[in-house]
C-alpha cells in the first residue's frame, strides 16, 4: 500500500524529533516513511508494539520507546489501519 501522510517521530519522552510530509509504503514486513527531504525511515512491522488511533491519527508505539504519529492519510486511513 502506498499513500502520503504527515508524520512525526517522538522520542521516548514524547519530544518531537522530526516531522514532515512523507510518502508511506506499507509492505509485507516493513513500513517505509520517505520524507520530502532526507533519508527514508524503515521500520520492521515486528518493532511496532502497539497501534492506537484517534481522530484520524495513528499512533504507533515502537519497541525502542519511540512513537510514530501518522496523520492526513485521507481516504486511505481505514485501509492503512486494516493492513497494518
N, C-alpha and C. Protein backbone atom coordinates (compact mmCIF):
# COMPACT_ATOMS: atom_id res chain seq x y z
N UNK A 1 0.85 -1.17 0.00
CA UNK A 1 0.00 0.00 0.00
C UNK A 1 0.89 1.23 0.00
N UNK A 2 0.58 2.18 -0.84
CA UNK A 2 1.30 3.45 -0.92
C UNK A 2 0.32 4.59 -0.67
N UNK A 3 0.77 5.58 0.09
CA UNK A 3 -0.05 6.77 0.34
C UNK A 3 0.86 7.90 0.81
N UNK A 4 0.27 9.05 1.02
CA UNK A 4 1.01 10.18 1.58
C UNK A 4 0.41 10.53 2.92
N UNK A 5 1.24 11.12 3.78
CA UNK A 5 0.79 11.47 5.12
C UNK A 5 1.72 12.53 5.70
N UNK A 6 1.35 13.01 6.85
CA UNK A 6 2.25 13.80 7.67
C UNK A 6 2.67 12.89 8.82
N UNK A 7 3.96 12.87 9.09
CA UNK A 7 4.43 12.03 10.18
C UNK A 7 5.18 12.86 11.21
N UNK A 8 5.22 12.36 12.42
CA UNK A 8 6.04 12.94 13.49
C UNK A 8 6.67 11.78 14.23
N UNK A 9 7.96 11.86 14.45
CA UNK A 9 8.68 10.86 15.22
C UNK A 9 8.97 11.47 16.58
N UNK A 10 8.52 10.79 17.64
CA UNK A 10 8.69 11.27 19.01
C UNK A 10 9.66 10.37 19.75
N UNK A 11 10.50 10.96 20.62
CA UNK A 11 11.40 10.13 21.42
C UNK A 11 10.64 9.51 22.58
N UNK A 12 11.32 8.75 23.41
CA UNK A 12 10.65 8.02 24.49
C UNK A 12 10.03 8.95 25.52
N UNK A 13 10.47 10.21 25.57
CA UNK A 13 9.89 11.19 26.48
C UNK A 13 8.77 12.00 25.88
N UNK A 14 8.48 11.77 24.59
CA UNK A 14 7.40 12.49 23.93
C UNK A 14 7.84 13.73 23.18
N UNK A 15 9.14 14.03 23.19
CA UNK A 15 9.65 15.20 22.47
C UNK A 15 9.73 14.88 20.98
N UNK A 16 9.36 15.84 20.16
CA UNK A 16 9.35 15.65 18.71
C UNK A 16 10.77 15.67 18.16
N UNK A 17 11.16 14.60 17.48
CA UNK A 17 12.48 14.51 16.87
C UNK A 17 12.46 15.07 15.45
N UNK A 18 11.41 14.76 14.71
CA UNK A 18 11.27 15.28 13.35
C UNK A 18 9.82 15.15 12.90
N UNK A 19 9.46 15.99 11.94
CA UNK A 19 8.12 15.96 11.38
C UNK A 19 8.19 16.46 9.94
N UNK A 20 7.33 15.92 9.09
CA UNK A 20 7.35 16.30 7.68
C UNK A 20 6.19 15.62 6.95
N UNK A 21 5.92 16.08 5.76
CA UNK A 21 5.08 15.34 4.82
C UNK A 21 5.93 14.20 4.29
N UNK A 22 5.30 13.07 4.00
CA UNK A 22 6.08 11.92 3.54
C UNK A 22 5.24 10.96 2.72
N UNK A 23 5.93 10.19 1.93
CA UNK A 23 5.31 9.06 1.26
C UNK A 23 5.39 7.88 2.21
N UNK A 24 4.31 7.13 2.29
CA UNK A 24 4.25 5.98 3.19
C UNK A 24 4.09 4.73 2.33
N UNK A 25 4.92 3.73 2.58
CA UNK A 25 4.79 2.45 1.88
C UNK A 25 4.71 1.35 2.92
N UNK A 26 3.59 0.66 2.93
CA UNK A 26 3.38 -0.47 3.83
C UNK A 26 3.56 -1.74 3.01
N UNK A 27 4.63 -2.47 3.31
CA UNK A 27 4.92 -3.71 2.61
C UNK A 27 4.62 -4.88 3.55
N UNK A 28 4.97 -6.07 3.12
CA UNK A 28 4.63 -7.26 3.89
C UNK A 28 5.29 -7.29 5.26
N UNK A 29 6.53 -6.82 5.37
CA UNK A 29 7.24 -6.90 6.65
C UNK A 29 7.79 -5.56 7.12
N UNK A 30 7.62 -4.49 6.32
CA UNK A 30 8.20 -3.20 6.69
C UNK A 30 7.24 -2.04 6.44
N UNK A 31 7.51 -0.98 7.15
CA UNK A 31 6.83 0.30 6.95
C UNK A 31 7.92 1.29 6.59
N UNK A 32 7.81 1.90 5.43
CA UNK A 32 8.79 2.89 4.98
C UNK A 32 8.13 4.27 5.00
N UNK A 33 8.79 5.21 5.67
CA UNK A 33 8.35 6.59 5.71
C UNK A 33 9.41 7.40 4.98
N UNK A 34 9.05 7.93 3.81
CA UNK A 34 10.00 8.67 2.97
C UNK A 34 9.67 10.16 3.01
N UNK A 35 10.37 10.93 3.86
CA UNK A 35 10.12 12.37 3.94
C UNK A 35 10.42 13.08 2.62
N UNK A 36 9.84 14.26 2.46
CA UNK A 36 10.08 15.04 1.24
C UNK A 36 11.56 15.37 1.10
N UNK A 37 12.24 15.56 2.21
CA UNK A 37 13.69 15.78 2.17
C UNK A 37 14.32 14.93 3.27
N UNK A 38 15.42 14.32 2.97
CA UNK A 38 16.08 13.47 3.95
C UNK A 38 15.97 12.01 3.59
N UNK A 39 16.56 11.19 4.42
CA UNK A 39 16.60 9.75 4.19
C UNK A 39 15.32 9.08 4.65
N UNK A 40 14.91 8.02 3.97
CA UNK A 40 13.72 7.28 4.39
C UNK A 40 13.95 6.59 5.73
N UNK A 41 12.86 6.43 6.47
CA UNK A 41 12.89 5.71 7.74
C UNK A 41 12.24 4.36 7.50
N UNK A 42 12.92 3.29 7.87
CA UNK A 42 12.39 1.94 7.70
C UNK A 42 12.12 1.34 9.07
N UNK A 43 10.92 0.79 9.22
CA UNK A 43 10.53 0.14 10.46
C UNK A 43 10.07 -1.27 10.15
N UNK A 44 10.61 -2.23 10.85
CA UNK A 44 10.11 -3.59 10.74
C UNK A 44 8.76 -3.63 11.44
N UNK A 45 7.79 -4.32 10.86
CA UNK A 45 6.48 -4.41 11.49
C UNK A 45 6.57 -5.12 12.84
N UNK A 46 7.59 -5.95 13.03
CA UNK A 46 7.79 -6.62 14.32
C UNK A 46 8.21 -5.65 15.42
N UNK A 47 8.73 -4.47 15.02
CA UNK A 47 9.15 -3.47 16.00
C UNK A 47 8.02 -2.59 16.50
N UNK A 48 6.83 -2.77 15.93
CA UNK A 48 5.68 -1.99 16.36
C UNK A 48 5.00 -2.74 17.50
N UNK A 49 5.04 -2.14 18.69
CA UNK A 49 4.49 -2.80 19.88
C UNK A 49 2.99 -2.59 20.02
N UNK A 50 2.50 -1.42 19.60
CA UNK A 50 1.08 -1.10 19.77
C UNK A 50 0.65 -0.09 18.73
N UNK A 51 -0.60 -0.21 18.29
CA UNK A 51 -1.18 0.74 17.34
C UNK A 51 -2.46 1.29 17.96
N UNK A 52 -2.53 2.61 18.04
CA UNK A 52 -3.74 3.28 18.54
C UNK A 52 -4.15 4.31 17.49
N UNK A 53 -5.43 4.64 17.47
CA UNK A 53 -5.88 5.68 16.55
C UNK A 53 -6.95 6.51 17.22
N UNK A 54 -6.89 7.80 16.90
CA UNK A 54 -7.87 8.75 17.43
C UNK A 54 -7.92 9.92 16.46
N UNK A 55 -9.13 10.25 16.04
CA UNK A 55 -9.30 11.42 15.17
C UNK A 55 -8.49 11.37 13.90
N UNK A 56 -8.42 10.22 13.26
CA UNK A 56 -7.70 10.03 12.01
C UNK A 56 -6.20 10.24 12.13
N UNK A 57 -5.67 10.02 13.32
CA UNK A 57 -4.23 9.98 13.55
C UNK A 57 -3.89 8.62 14.12
N UNK A 58 -2.92 7.95 13.51
CA UNK A 58 -2.46 6.65 14.00
C UNK A 58 -1.20 6.87 14.84
N UNK A 59 -1.17 6.29 16.02
CA UNK A 59 -0.01 6.37 16.91
C UNK A 59 0.59 4.97 17.00
N UNK A 60 1.80 4.82 16.49
CA UNK A 60 2.50 3.55 16.51
C UNK A 60 3.58 3.61 17.58
N UNK A 61 3.44 2.82 18.61
CA UNK A 61 4.44 2.74 19.67
C UNK A 61 5.45 1.68 19.28
N UNK A 62 6.72 2.08 19.26
CA UNK A 62 7.78 1.18 18.84
C UNK A 62 8.45 0.54 20.05
N UNK A 63 9.05 -0.60 19.85
CA UNK A 63 9.72 -1.31 20.95
C UNK A 63 10.90 -0.52 21.51
N UNK A 64 11.43 0.43 20.77
CA UNK A 64 12.54 1.27 21.22
C UNK A 64 12.08 2.35 22.20
N UNK A 65 10.76 2.51 22.35
CA UNK A 65 10.21 3.55 23.20
C UNK A 65 9.77 4.78 22.41
N UNK A 66 10.21 4.88 21.16
CA UNK A 66 9.79 5.99 20.31
C UNK A 66 8.36 5.77 19.85
N UNK A 67 7.76 6.85 19.33
CA UNK A 67 6.41 6.77 18.77
C UNK A 67 6.41 7.43 17.41
N UNK A 68 5.63 6.86 16.52
CA UNK A 68 5.46 7.41 15.19
C UNK A 68 4.00 7.79 15.04
N UNK A 69 3.74 9.07 14.76
CA UNK A 69 2.38 9.56 14.54
C UNK A 69 2.18 9.76 13.04
N UNK A 70 1.12 9.21 12.51
CA UNK A 70 0.78 9.37 11.10
C UNK A 70 -0.59 10.00 10.99
N UNK A 71 -0.67 11.11 10.28
CA UNK A 71 -1.95 11.79 10.09
C UNK A 71 -2.07 12.23 8.63
N UNK A 72 -3.23 12.76 8.27
CA UNK A 72 -3.51 13.25 6.93
C UNK A 72 -3.36 12.14 5.87
N UNK A 73 -3.79 10.94 6.23
CA UNK A 73 -3.79 9.83 5.28
C UNK A 73 -4.99 9.88 4.33
N UNK A 74 -5.94 10.74 4.63
CA UNK A 74 -7.10 10.89 3.77
C UNK A 74 -7.98 9.66 3.75
N UNK A 75 -8.55 9.37 2.61
CA UNK A 75 -9.49 8.25 2.50
C UNK A 75 -8.80 6.89 2.65
N UNK A 76 -7.48 6.84 2.70
CA UNK A 76 -6.75 5.58 2.86
C UNK A 76 -6.51 5.22 4.33
N UNK A 77 -6.98 6.05 5.25
CA UNK A 77 -6.73 5.82 6.68
C UNK A 77 -7.23 4.46 7.15
N UNK A 78 -8.47 4.14 6.86
CA UNK A 78 -9.04 2.86 7.30
C UNK A 78 -8.33 1.67 6.68
N UNK A 79 -8.01 1.76 5.41
CA UNK A 79 -7.29 0.68 4.74
C UNK A 79 -5.89 0.51 5.34
N UNK A 80 -5.22 1.62 5.63
CA UNK A 80 -3.90 1.55 6.25
C UNK A 80 -3.96 0.81 7.58
N UNK A 81 -4.91 1.17 8.43
CA UNK A 81 -5.02 0.51 9.73
C UNK A 81 -5.34 -0.98 9.57
N UNK A 82 -6.22 -1.29 8.67
CA UNK A 82 -6.60 -2.69 8.46
C UNK A 82 -5.40 -3.50 7.99
N UNK A 83 -4.62 -2.98 7.06
CA UNK A 83 -3.47 -3.71 6.55
C UNK A 83 -2.31 -3.77 7.54
N UNK A 84 -2.19 -2.75 8.35
CA UNK A 84 -1.14 -2.73 9.36
C UNK A 84 -1.37 -3.81 10.39
